[in-house]
């Protein structure tokens, strides 16, 4: 359970899943969220449900993990440390910062807008495709499914980021120092949404 794609694509953390294109995801830097397992979940991946702590809306959107070696405890509150085009401080490849690929952004956008059916099989295939596109399969590879390969092929000519960004999550915030403390389990997720803001 690593990076996720959302829209701004919680591929601002990496990939978020929300079907209606016009939907807004009210997530801002400094917000406290809870991630829970959504549909799919093979290989400890997504989809994952994103819920804003303190509101009564429930699940805001779904997202996917970008980095295979970053983990979190489902149901535990985390802070949104940043919403950018890159993942920070994690992953098997890509550097620091590690920008999201256009192909990953395209696929998450397809999922978030319902152009990829939101089924468990597609969630599992999409998670594998995202990890492959983000260079997360070099160490400890997982065999790609036919569905994952089909998603990768369909994104070969992707150009742009489709409003998708990466949401970098942290375990706590220290107001005396003015920064987020990485938790034992640090996650980077992706999401997609029109109302995601860079600060409060």
N, C-alpha and C. Protein backbone atom coordinates (compact mmCIF):
# COMPACT_ATOMS: atom_id res chain seq x y z
N UNK A 1 0.84 -1.15 0.00
CA UNK A 1 0.00 0.00 0.00
C UNK A 1 0.89 1.21 0.00
N UNK A 2 1.13 1.67 -1.11
CA UNK A 2 2.07 2.76 -1.29
C UNK A 2 1.37 3.99 -1.79
N UNK A 3 1.80 4.47 -2.94
CA UNK A 3 1.24 5.70 -3.47
C UNK A 3 -0.11 5.44 -4.13
N UNK A 4 -0.91 6.40 -4.12
CA UNK A 4 -2.22 6.28 -4.73
C UNK A 4 -2.46 7.40 -5.73
N UNK A 5 -3.32 7.09 -6.65
CA UNK A 5 -3.64 8.14 -7.60
C UNK A 5 -5.04 8.65 -7.36
N UNK A 6 -5.20 9.93 -7.33
CA UNK A 6 -6.50 10.55 -7.13
C UNK A 6 -6.71 11.57 -8.24
N UNK A 7 -7.61 12.45 -8.39
CA UNK A 7 -7.76 13.34 -9.49
C UNK A 7 -7.91 14.78 -9.18
N UNK A 8 -7.68 15.98 -9.24
CA UNK A 8 -6.36 16.41 -9.35
C UNK A 8 -5.72 15.13 -9.33
N UNK A 9 -5.91 14.17 -9.39
CA UNK A 9 -5.98 12.76 -9.31
C UNK A 9 -5.33 12.24 -8.11
N UNK A 10 -5.83 12.08 -7.23
CA UNK A 10 -5.15 11.56 -6.08
C UNK A 10 -4.14 10.62 -6.57
N UNK A 11 -3.68 10.88 -7.47
CA UNK A 11 -2.39 10.52 -7.90
C UNK A 11 -1.70 11.74 -7.31
N UNK A 12 -2.46 12.70 -6.57
CA UNK A 12 -1.97 13.67 -5.60
C UNK A 12 -1.97 12.86 -4.39
N UNK A 13 -1.70 12.01 -4.44
CA UNK A 13 -1.12 11.02 -3.68
C UNK A 13 -1.21 9.94 -4.57
N UNK A 14 -1.60 9.72 -5.14
CA UNK A 14 -1.30 9.27 -6.25
C UNK A 14 -2.35 9.06 -7.14
N UNK A 15 -3.32 7.98 -7.00
CA UNK A 15 -4.52 7.93 -7.82
C UNK A 15 -5.75 7.84 -6.95
N UNK A 16 -6.72 8.67 -7.18
CA UNK A 16 -7.99 8.55 -6.47
C UNK A 16 -9.02 8.08 -7.46
N UNK A 17 -9.96 7.38 -6.98
CA UNK A 17 -11.04 6.91 -7.83
C UNK A 17 -12.33 7.62 -7.49
N UNK A 18 -12.84 8.32 -8.44
CA UNK A 18 -14.17 8.90 -8.31
C UNK A 18 -14.77 8.89 -9.70
N UNK A 19 -15.96 8.39 -9.81
CA UNK A 19 -16.55 8.22 -11.13
C UNK A 19 -17.00 9.51 -11.79
N UNK A 20 -17.79 10.35 -11.13
CA UNK A 20 -18.29 11.54 -11.83
C UNK A 20 -17.18 12.56 -12.10
N UNK A 21 -17.05 12.94 -13.33
CA UNK A 21 -16.02 13.89 -13.72
C UNK A 21 -16.19 15.21 -12.98
N UNK A 22 -17.40 15.61 -12.73
CA UNK A 22 -17.64 16.90 -12.10
C UNK A 22 -17.49 16.86 -10.58
N UNK A 23 -17.24 15.68 -10.04
CA UNK A 23 -17.11 15.57 -8.58
C UNK A 23 -15.90 16.33 -8.08
N UNK A 24 -16.03 16.86 -6.88
CA UNK A 24 -14.93 17.58 -6.25
C UNK A 24 -14.47 16.80 -5.04
N UNK A 25 -13.18 16.84 -4.76
CA UNK A 25 -12.62 16.16 -3.62
C UNK A 25 -12.05 17.19 -2.67
N UNK A 26 -12.75 17.47 -1.60
CA UNK A 26 -12.33 18.53 -0.68
C UNK A 26 -11.21 18.08 0.25
N UNK A 27 -10.03 17.90 -0.31
CA UNK A 27 -8.86 17.51 0.48
C UNK A 27 -7.82 18.61 0.34
N UNK A 28 -7.29 19.06 1.48
CA UNK A 28 -6.29 20.12 1.48
C UNK A 28 -5.08 19.71 2.30
N UNK A 29 -3.96 20.35 2.05
CA UNK A 29 -2.77 20.15 2.87
C UNK A 29 -3.14 20.47 4.32
N UNK A 30 -2.75 19.60 5.24
CA UNK A 30 -3.05 19.77 6.65
C UNK A 30 -4.28 19.01 7.10
N UNK A 31 -5.13 18.56 6.15
CA UNK A 31 -6.30 17.77 6.52
C UNK A 31 -5.90 16.43 7.10
N UNK A 32 -6.76 15.92 7.94
CA UNK A 32 -6.58 14.60 8.53
C UNK A 32 -7.54 13.65 7.81
N UNK A 33 -7.00 12.55 7.28
CA UNK A 33 -7.82 11.58 6.55
C UNK A 33 -7.62 10.19 7.12
N UNK A 34 -8.53 9.31 6.73
CA UNK A 34 -8.42 7.89 7.06
C UNK A 34 -8.54 7.12 5.75
N UNK A 35 -7.65 6.16 5.55
CA UNK A 35 -7.70 5.27 4.39
C UNK A 35 -8.19 3.91 4.85
N UNK A 36 -9.10 3.32 4.07
CA UNK A 36 -9.56 1.96 4.32
C UNK A 36 -9.51 1.20 3.00
N UNK A 37 -9.51 -0.13 3.08
CA UNK A 37 -9.47 -0.94 1.87
C UNK A 37 -10.75 -0.75 1.09
N UNK A 38 -10.59 -0.50 -0.20
CA UNK A 38 -11.73 -0.42 -1.11
C UNK A 38 -11.86 -1.74 -1.84
N UNK A 39 -12.39 -1.69 -3.05
CA UNK A 39 -12.49 -2.92 -3.83
C UNK A 39 -11.11 -3.31 -4.33
N UNK A 40 -10.93 -4.56 -4.64
CA UNK A 40 -9.61 -5.06 -5.05
C UNK A 40 -8.80 -5.42 -3.82
N UNK A 41 -7.56 -5.01 -3.80
CA UNK A 41 -6.71 -5.25 -2.63
C UNK A 41 -5.68 -6.34 -2.80
N UNK A 42 -5.56 -6.92 -3.99
CA UNK A 42 -4.55 -7.95 -4.20
C UNK A 42 -3.16 -7.36 -3.98
N UNK A 43 -2.25 -8.15 -3.46
CA UNK A 43 -0.85 -7.74 -3.24
C UNK A 43 -0.74 -6.53 -2.31
N UNK A 44 -1.69 -6.38 -1.39
CA UNK A 44 -1.70 -5.25 -0.45
C UNK A 44 -1.86 -3.90 -1.14
N UNK A 45 -2.46 -3.90 -2.29
CA UNK A 45 -2.66 -2.66 -3.02
C UNK A 45 -4.09 -2.18 -2.98
N UNK A 46 -4.40 -1.22 -3.85
CA UNK A 46 -5.71 -0.59 -3.87
C UNK A 46 -6.71 -1.35 -4.70
N UNK A 47 -7.86 -0.80 -4.68
CA UNK A 47 -8.19 0.58 -4.36
C UNK A 47 -8.33 0.80 -2.86
N UNK A 48 -8.22 2.09 -2.47
CA UNK A 48 -8.39 2.50 -1.08
C UNK A 48 -9.41 3.62 -1.02
N UNK A 49 -10.22 3.60 0.01
CA UNK A 49 -11.21 4.65 0.22
C UNK A 49 -10.61 5.76 1.07
N UNK A 50 -10.90 7.00 0.70
CA UNK A 50 -10.40 8.17 1.42
C UNK A 50 -11.58 8.84 2.12
N UNK A 51 -11.44 9.03 3.42
CA UNK A 51 -12.48 9.67 4.24
C UNK A 51 -11.84 10.80 5.03
N UNK A 52 -12.44 11.97 4.98
CA UNK A 52 -11.95 13.14 5.70
C UNK A 52 -12.42 13.05 7.15
N UNK A 53 -11.49 13.11 8.10
CA UNK A 53 -11.84 13.05 9.51
C UNK A 53 -12.63 14.29 9.90
N UNK A 54 -13.71 14.09 10.61
CA UNK A 54 -14.48 15.22 11.12
C UNK A 54 -15.62 15.68 10.24
N UNK A 55 -15.84 15.05 9.10
CA UNK A 55 -17.01 15.40 8.30
C UNK A 55 -17.96 14.21 8.28
N UNK A 56 -19.16 14.44 7.82
CA UNK A 56 -20.15 13.36 7.81
C UNK A 56 -20.41 12.82 6.41
N UNK A 57 -19.56 13.19 5.48
CA UNK A 57 -19.75 12.80 4.08
C UNK A 57 -19.50 11.32 3.86
N UNK A 58 -18.57 10.74 4.60
CA UNK A 58 -18.18 9.36 4.36
C UNK A 58 -17.05 9.31 3.35
N UNK A 59 -17.02 8.27 2.55
CA UNK A 59 -15.93 8.10 1.58
C UNK A 59 -16.01 9.20 0.53
N UNK A 60 -14.90 9.93 0.36
CA UNK A 60 -14.83 11.01 -0.62
C UNK A 60 -14.48 10.50 -2.01
N UNK A 61 -13.57 9.55 -2.08
CA UNK A 61 -13.12 9.00 -3.35
C UNK A 61 -12.25 7.79 -3.05
N UNK A 62 -11.88 7.09 -4.11
CA UNK A 62 -10.95 5.96 -3.95
C UNK A 62 -9.66 6.30 -4.66
N UNK A 63 -8.59 5.65 -4.26
CA UNK A 63 -7.27 5.95 -4.78
C UNK A 63 -6.43 4.69 -4.82
N UNK A 64 -5.23 4.80 -5.31
CA UNK A 64 -4.31 3.66 -5.42
C UNK A 64 -2.95 4.03 -4.86
N UNK A 65 -2.20 3.01 -4.58
CA UNK A 65 -0.87 3.17 -4.04
C UNK A 65 0.14 3.36 -5.18
N UNK A 66 1.05 4.30 -5.03
CA UNK A 66 2.08 4.53 -6.05
C UNK A 66 3.36 3.77 -5.75
N UNK A 67 3.71 3.62 -4.49
CA UNK A 67 4.99 3.02 -4.12
C UNK A 67 4.76 1.75 -3.31
N UNK A 68 5.38 0.66 -3.76
CA UNK A 68 5.15 -0.63 -3.14
C UNK A 68 5.79 -0.78 -1.77
N UNK A 69 6.79 -0.01 -1.43
CA UNK A 69 7.48 -0.19 -0.15
C UNK A 69 7.07 0.84 0.89
N UNK A 70 5.91 1.46 0.72
CA UNK A 70 5.36 2.39 1.70
C UNK A 70 4.06 1.80 2.22
N UNK A 71 3.87 1.85 3.52
CA UNK A 71 2.74 1.17 4.13
C UNK A 71 1.97 2.10 5.07
N UNK A 72 0.77 1.69 5.43
CA UNK A 72 -0.04 2.42 6.40
C UNK A 72 -0.91 1.42 7.14
N UNK A 73 -1.48 1.86 8.23
CA UNK A 73 -2.43 1.04 8.98
C UNK A 73 -3.83 1.50 8.62
N UNK A 74 -4.63 0.65 7.96
CA UNK A 74 -5.99 1.05 7.59
C UNK A 74 -6.78 1.51 8.81
N UNK A 75 -7.53 2.58 8.64
CA UNK A 75 -8.38 3.09 9.70
C UNK A 75 -7.70 4.04 10.66
N UNK A 76 -6.39 4.27 10.50
CA UNK A 76 -5.65 5.17 11.37
C UNK A 76 -5.53 6.54 10.68
N UNK A 77 -5.74 7.61 11.43
CA UNK A 77 -5.68 8.96 10.87
C UNK A 77 -4.27 9.31 10.40
N UNK A 78 -4.20 9.99 9.26
CA UNK A 78 -2.95 10.50 8.71
C UNK A 78 -3.18 11.93 8.24
N UNK A 79 -2.11 12.71 8.16
CA UNK A 79 -2.17 14.08 7.69
C UNK A 79 -1.75 14.16 6.23
N UNK A 80 -2.42 15.03 5.50
CA UNK A 80 -2.01 15.34 4.13
C UNK A 80 -0.89 16.35 4.24
N UNK A 81 0.34 15.91 3.97
CA UNK A 81 1.51 16.78 4.09
C UNK A 81 1.74 17.65 2.87
N UNK A 82 1.42 17.12 1.69
CA UNK A 82 1.54 17.91 0.46
C UNK A 82 0.70 17.28 -0.63
N UNK A 83 0.33 18.10 -1.59
CA UNK A 83 -0.37 17.66 -2.79
C UNK A 83 0.40 18.26 -3.96
N UNK A 84 1.12 17.41 -4.66
CA UNK A 84 2.01 17.87 -5.71
C UNK A 84 1.97 16.89 -6.88
N UNK A 85 2.82 17.11 -7.84
CA UNK A 85 2.96 16.21 -8.97
C UNK A 85 3.93 15.08 -8.71
N UNK A 86 4.46 14.98 -7.48
CA UNK A 86 5.50 13.98 -7.18
C UNK A 86 5.29 13.35 -5.81
N UNK A 87 5.82 12.14 -5.69
CA UNK A 87 5.90 11.46 -4.40
C UNK A 87 7.25 11.81 -3.78
N UNK A 88 7.27 11.90 -2.46
CA UNK A 88 8.50 12.24 -1.75
C UNK A 88 8.89 11.15 -0.77
N UNK A 89 10.20 10.93 -0.64
CA UNK A 89 10.78 10.07 0.40
C UNK A 89 10.27 8.64 0.37
N UNK A 90 10.29 8.01 -0.77
CA UNK A 90 9.87 6.62 -0.78
C UNK A 90 9.94 6.01 -2.16
N UNK A 91 9.64 4.75 -2.22
CA UNK A 91 9.58 4.03 -3.48
C UNK A 91 10.88 3.33 -3.81
N UNK A 92 10.75 2.36 -4.69
CA UNK A 92 11.92 1.59 -5.14
C UNK A 92 12.70 2.32 -6.22
N UNK A 93 12.07 3.24 -6.93
CA UNK A 93 12.76 3.93 -8.02
C UNK A 93 12.19 5.32 -8.21
N UNK A 94 12.81 6.09 -9.06
CA UNK A 94 12.26 7.37 -9.45
C UNK A 94 12.87 8.59 -8.82
N UNK A 95 13.71 8.43 -7.81
CA UNK A 95 14.34 9.60 -7.22
C UNK A 95 13.47 10.25 -6.16
N UNK A 96 13.93 11.40 -5.68
CA UNK A 96 13.23 12.15 -4.66
C UNK A 96 13.36 13.65 -4.97
N UNK A 97 12.32 14.28 -5.48
CA UNK A 97 10.98 13.77 -5.66
C UNK A 97 10.86 12.83 -6.86
N UNK A 98 9.80 12.03 -6.83
CA UNK A 98 9.51 11.04 -7.87
C UNK A 98 8.22 11.44 -8.57
N UNK A 99 8.32 12.13 -9.74
CA UNK A 99 7.11 12.60 -10.42
C UNK A 99 6.25 11.44 -10.93
N UNK A 100 4.96 11.65 -10.92
CA UNK A 100 4.03 10.65 -11.45
C UNK A 100 4.13 10.65 -12.97
N UNK A 101 3.95 9.49 -13.57
CA UNK A 101 4.02 9.39 -15.03
C UNK A 101 2.69 9.79 -15.65
N UNK A 102 2.76 10.27 -16.89
CA UNK A 102 1.54 10.60 -17.63
C UNK A 102 0.65 9.37 -17.80
N UNK A 103 1.26 8.22 -18.01
CA UNK A 103 0.49 6.99 -18.19
C UNK A 103 -0.29 6.64 -16.92
N UNK A 104 0.34 6.78 -15.76
CA UNK A 104 -0.36 6.52 -14.50
C UNK A 104 -1.49 7.52 -14.31
N UNK A 105 -1.23 8.79 -14.57
CA UNK A 105 -2.26 9.82 -14.44
C UNK A 105 -3.44 9.52 -15.36
N UNK A 106 -3.15 9.13 -16.58
CA UNK A 106 -4.20 8.79 -17.55
C UNK A 106 -5.06 7.64 -17.03
N UNK A 107 -4.42 6.58 -16.57
CA UNK A 107 -5.18 5.42 -16.10
C UNK A 107 -6.02 5.74 -14.88
N UNK A 108 -5.46 6.51 -13.95
CA UNK A 108 -6.25 6.86 -12.78
C UNK A 108 -7.43 7.73 -13.17
N UNK A 109 -7.20 8.66 -14.07
CA UNK A 109 -8.29 9.51 -14.57
C UNK A 109 -9.41 8.64 -15.16
N UNK A 110 -9.02 7.64 -15.95
CA UNK A 110 -10.00 6.73 -16.54
C UNK A 110 -10.81 6.02 -15.45
N UNK A 111 -10.14 5.58 -14.39
CA UNK A 111 -10.80 4.91 -13.27
C UNK A 111 -11.73 5.89 -12.53
N UNK A 112 -11.20 7.08 -12.23
CA UNK A 112 -11.94 8.06 -11.44
C UNK A 112 -13.18 8.56 -12.15
N UNK A 113 -13.16 8.57 -13.46
CA UNK A 113 -14.30 9.06 -14.23
C UNK A 113 -15.21 7.94 -14.69
N UNK A 114 -14.92 6.71 -14.30
CA UNK A 114 -15.77 5.57 -14.64
C UNK A 114 -15.53 5.00 -16.03
N UNK A 115 -14.53 5.50 -16.76
CA UNK A 115 -14.23 4.95 -18.08
C UNK A 115 -13.59 3.56 -17.95
N UNK A 116 -12.97 3.31 -16.81
CA UNK A 116 -12.59 1.94 -16.42
C UNK A 116 -13.61 1.54 -15.36
N UNK A 117 -14.32 0.45 -15.60
CA UNK A 117 -15.34 -0.01 -14.66
C UNK A 117 -14.72 -0.26 -13.29
N UNK A 118 -15.37 0.22 -12.26
CA UNK A 118 -14.87 0.10 -10.89
C UNK A 118 -15.24 -1.26 -10.32
N UNK A 119 -14.50 -2.29 -10.75
CA UNK A 119 -14.69 -3.66 -10.27
C UNK A 119 -13.44 -4.10 -9.53
N UNK A 120 -13.57 -5.16 -8.73
CA UNK A 120 -12.41 -5.68 -8.00
C UNK A 120 -11.32 -6.15 -8.96
N UNK A 121 -11.70 -6.82 -10.04
CA UNK A 121 -10.70 -7.30 -11.00
C UNK A 121 -9.95 -6.13 -11.63
N UNK A 122 -10.68 -5.09 -12.03
CA UNK A 122 -10.02 -3.93 -12.62
C UNK A 122 -9.15 -3.20 -11.61
N UNK A 123 -9.60 -3.10 -10.35
CA UNK A 123 -8.79 -2.46 -9.32
C UNK A 123 -7.47 -3.20 -9.14
N UNK A 124 -7.52 -4.52 -9.09
CA UNK A 124 -6.29 -5.31 -8.93
C UNK A 124 -5.36 -5.14 -10.13
N UNK A 125 -5.93 -5.18 -11.34
CA UNK A 125 -5.12 -5.00 -12.54
C UNK A 125 -4.55 -3.59 -12.62
N UNK A 126 -5.35 -2.60 -12.25
CA UNK A 126 -4.89 -1.21 -12.31
C UNK A 126 -3.76 -0.97 -11.31
N UNK A 127 -3.87 -1.54 -10.10
CA UNK A 127 -2.80 -1.37 -9.12
C UNK A 127 -1.48 -1.93 -9.66
N UNK A 128 -1.52 -3.12 -10.26
CA UNK A 128 -0.30 -3.70 -10.84
C UNK A 128 0.24 -2.82 -11.97
N UNK A 129 -0.65 -2.30 -12.81
CA UNK A 129 -0.21 -1.44 -13.91
C UNK A 129 0.45 -0.18 -13.37
N UNK A 130 -0.13 0.42 -12.34
CA UNK A 130 0.44 1.64 -11.75
C UNK A 130 1.82 1.36 -11.19
N UNK A 131 1.96 0.28 -10.42
CA UNK A 131 3.28 -0.04 -9.87
C UNK A 131 4.30 -0.26 -10.97
N UNK A 132 3.89 -0.92 -12.06
CA UNK A 132 4.81 -1.15 -13.17
C UNK A 132 5.20 0.17 -13.83
N UNK A 133 4.24 1.01 -14.12
CA UNK A 133 4.51 2.29 -14.77
C UNK A 133 5.35 3.22 -13.90
N UNK A 134 5.24 3.09 -12.59
CA UNK A 134 6.00 3.93 -11.67
C UNK A 134 7.36 3.32 -11.29
N UNK A 135 7.75 2.22 -11.94
CA UNK A 135 9.06 1.61 -11.69
C UNK A 135 9.16 0.87 -10.37
N UNK A 136 8.04 0.44 -9.82
CA UNK A 136 8.02 -0.20 -8.52
C UNK A 136 8.09 -1.73 -8.59
N UNK A 137 8.28 -2.28 -9.77
CA UNK A 137 8.30 -3.74 -9.92
C UNK A 137 9.70 -4.30 -10.10
N UNK A 138 10.72 -3.45 -10.15
CA UNK A 138 12.09 -3.92 -10.38
C UNK A 138 12.55 -4.82 -9.24
N UNK A 139 12.31 -4.41 -8.01
CA UNK A 139 12.65 -5.25 -6.86
C UNK A 139 11.40 -6.03 -6.48
N UNK A 140 11.57 -7.29 -6.22
CA UNK A 140 10.45 -8.15 -5.82
C UNK A 140 9.30 -8.07 -6.83
N UNK A 141 9.57 -8.42 -8.09
CA UNK A 141 8.54 -8.28 -9.12
C UNK A 141 7.33 -9.19 -8.86
N UNK A 142 6.21 -8.72 -9.31
CA UNK A 142 4.97 -9.47 -9.31
C UNK A 142 4.60 -9.66 -10.77
N UNK A 143 4.20 -10.88 -11.14
CA UNK A 143 3.83 -11.13 -12.52
C UNK A 143 2.60 -10.29 -12.88
N UNK A 144 2.71 -9.56 -13.97
CA UNK A 144 1.60 -8.74 -14.43
C UNK A 144 0.52 -9.63 -15.05
N UNK A 145 -0.73 -9.30 -14.78
CA UNK A 145 -1.86 -9.99 -15.36
C UNK A 145 -2.10 -9.48 -16.77
N UNK A 146 -2.92 -10.22 -17.52
CA UNK A 146 -3.29 -9.77 -18.86
C UNK A 146 -4.00 -8.42 -18.78
N UNK A 147 -4.84 -8.25 -17.76
CA UNK A 147 -5.55 -6.98 -17.58
C UNK A 147 -4.60 -5.83 -17.30
N UNK A 148 -3.59 -6.06 -16.45
CA UNK A 148 -2.60 -5.01 -16.16
C UNK A 148 -1.84 -4.63 -17.42
N UNK A 149 -1.43 -5.64 -18.20
CA UNK A 149 -0.72 -5.36 -19.46
C UNK A 149 -1.60 -4.58 -20.43
N UNK A 150 -2.89 -4.91 -20.47
CA UNK A 150 -3.81 -4.18 -21.36
C UNK A 150 -3.93 -2.71 -20.93
N UNK A 151 -3.98 -2.46 -19.62
CA UNK A 151 -4.03 -1.07 -19.14
C UNK A 151 -2.75 -0.33 -19.53
N UNK A 152 -1.60 -0.97 -19.35
CA UNK A 152 -0.33 -0.33 -19.69
C UNK A 152 -0.29 0.02 -21.18
N UNK A 153 -0.72 -0.91 -22.02
CA UNK A 153 -0.76 -0.68 -23.46
C UNK A 153 -1.69 0.48 -23.81
N UNK A 154 -2.84 0.53 -23.14
CA UNK A 154 -3.82 1.59 -23.45
C UNK A 154 -3.32 2.98 -23.08
N UNK A 155 -2.35 3.04 -22.18
CA UNK A 155 -1.81 4.34 -21.74
C UNK A 155 -0.52 4.73 -22.43
N UNK A 156 -0.13 3.97 -23.44
CA UNK A 156 1.17 4.18 -24.09
C UNK A 156 1.32 5.59 -24.68
N UNK A 157 0.24 6.17 -25.14
CA UNK A 157 0.33 7.49 -25.77
C UNK A 157 -0.20 8.61 -24.89
N UNK A 158 -0.29 8.34 -23.60
CA UNK A 158 -0.80 9.37 -22.67
C UNK A 158 0.10 10.59 -22.70
N UNK A 159 -0.53 11.76 -22.63
CA UNK A 159 0.21 13.00 -22.68
C UNK A 159 -0.46 13.98 -21.71
N UNK A 160 0.24 14.42 -20.71
CA UNK A 160 -0.34 15.32 -19.73
C UNK A 160 -0.62 14.58 -18.42
N UNK A 161 -1.30 15.28 -17.52
CA UNK A 161 -1.52 14.70 -16.19
C UNK A 161 -2.98 14.66 -15.80
N UNK A 162 -3.89 15.14 -16.65
CA UNK A 162 -5.32 14.93 -16.49
C UNK A 162 -5.85 15.40 -15.14
N UNK A 163 -5.20 16.36 -14.52
CA UNK A 163 -5.64 16.85 -13.22
C UNK A 163 -5.25 15.97 -12.06
N UNK A 164 -4.43 14.97 -12.31
CA UNK A 164 -4.03 14.02 -11.27
C UNK A 164 -2.77 14.50 -10.56
N UNK A 165 -2.76 14.37 -9.24
CA UNK A 165 -1.60 14.75 -8.44
C UNK A 165 -1.33 13.70 -7.38
N UNK A 166 -0.23 13.87 -6.67
CA UNK A 166 0.15 12.94 -5.61
C UNK A 166 -0.11 13.57 -4.24
N UNK A 167 -0.74 12.80 -3.37
CA UNK A 167 -1.00 13.25 -2.01
C UNK A 167 -0.01 12.52 -1.11
N UNK A 168 0.92 13.26 -0.51
CA UNK A 168 1.91 12.67 0.39
C UNK A 168 1.36 12.72 1.81
N UNK A 169 1.32 11.57 2.47
CA UNK A 169 0.70 11.45 3.79
C UNK A 169 1.73 11.23 4.88
N UNK A 170 1.41 11.74 6.07
CA UNK A 170 2.30 11.64 7.23
C UNK A 170 1.48 11.26 8.45
N UNK A 171 2.17 10.77 9.48
CA UNK A 171 1.50 10.31 10.68
C UNK A 171 1.15 11.38 11.67
N UNK A 172 1.91 12.47 11.72
CA UNK A 172 1.62 13.50 12.72
C UNK A 172 2.16 14.85 12.26
N UNK A 173 1.68 15.90 12.91
CA UNK A 173 2.13 17.26 12.62
C UNK A 173 2.62 17.88 13.92
N UNK A 174 3.81 18.49 13.87
CA UNK A 174 4.38 19.14 15.05
C UNK A 174 4.28 20.65 14.86
N UNK A 175 3.25 21.29 15.47
CA UNK A 175 3.07 22.73 15.26
C UNK A 175 4.20 23.58 15.84
N UNK A 176 4.93 23.07 16.83
CA UNK A 176 6.03 23.85 17.39
C UNK A 176 7.18 23.95 16.42
N UNK A 177 7.31 22.96 15.55
CA UNK A 177 8.38 22.96 14.55
C UNK A 177 7.88 23.33 13.17
N UNK A 178 6.56 23.26 12.98
CA UNK A 178 5.99 23.63 11.69
C UNK A 178 6.20 22.61 10.60
N UNK A 179 6.28 21.32 10.94
CA UNK A 179 6.41 20.32 9.88
C UNK A 179 5.77 19.01 10.29
N UNK A 180 5.58 18.18 9.26
CA UNK A 180 4.97 16.87 9.45
C UNK A 180 6.04 15.85 9.79
N UNK A 181 5.72 14.98 10.72
CA UNK A 181 6.63 13.91 11.10
C UNK A 181 6.25 12.65 10.35
N UNK A 182 7.19 12.03 9.65
CA UNK A 182 6.85 10.76 9.01
C UNK A 182 6.51 9.73 10.07
N UNK A 183 5.46 8.94 9.83
CA UNK A 183 5.10 7.90 10.77
C UNK A 183 5.91 6.65 10.53
N UNK A 184 5.68 5.63 11.31
CA UNK A 184 6.31 4.34 11.05
C UNK A 184 5.89 3.84 9.68
N UNK A 185 4.66 4.13 9.31
CA UNK A 185 4.14 3.72 8.01
C UNK A 185 3.82 4.99 7.24
N UNK A 186 4.59 5.26 6.21
CA UNK A 186 4.44 6.47 5.41
C UNK A 186 3.82 6.09 4.07
N UNK A 187 2.84 6.81 3.65
CA UNK A 187 2.15 6.48 2.41
C UNK A 187 2.14 7.65 1.45
N UNK A 188 2.20 7.33 0.19
CA UNK A 188 2.07 8.32 -0.86
C UNK A 188 0.95 7.84 -1.75
N UNK A 189 -0.03 8.67 -1.99
CA UNK A 189 -1.20 8.26 -2.73
C UNK A 189 -1.50 9.21 -3.86
N UNK A 190 -2.27 8.75 -4.79
CA UNK A 190 -2.64 9.59 -5.91
C UNK A 190 -4.13 9.88 -5.89
N UNK A 191 -4.56 11.00 -6.40
CA UNK A 191 -5.98 11.32 -6.47
C UNK A 191 -6.32 12.26 -7.59
N UNK A 192 -7.58 12.38 -7.85
CA UNK A 192 -8.09 13.23 -8.92
C UNK A 192 -9.26 14.01 -8.39
N UNK A 193 -9.31 15.32 -8.60
CA UNK A 193 -10.43 16.12 -8.13
C UNK A 193 -10.27 17.56 -8.52
N UNK A 194 -11.38 18.25 -8.63
CA UNK A 194 -11.32 19.64 -9.07
C UNK A 194 -11.11 20.61 -7.93
N UNK A 195 -11.42 20.24 -6.70
CA UNK A 195 -11.39 21.18 -5.60
C UNK A 195 -10.24 20.94 -4.62
N UNK A 196 -9.27 20.15 -4.98
CA UNK A 196 -8.15 19.91 -4.08
C UNK A 196 -7.32 21.17 -4.01
N UNK A 197 -6.97 21.59 -2.81
CA UNK A 197 -6.19 22.82 -2.66
C UNK A 197 -4.84 22.54 -2.03
N UNK A 198 -3.90 23.42 -2.26
CA UNK A 198 -2.53 23.23 -1.77
C UNK A 198 -2.34 23.71 -0.35
N UNK A 199 -3.32 24.27 0.25
CA UNK A 199 -3.17 24.72 1.63
C UNK A 199 -4.49 25.17 2.22
N UNK A 200 -4.49 25.33 3.52
CA UNK A 200 -5.73 25.75 4.18
C UNK A 200 -5.82 27.26 4.23
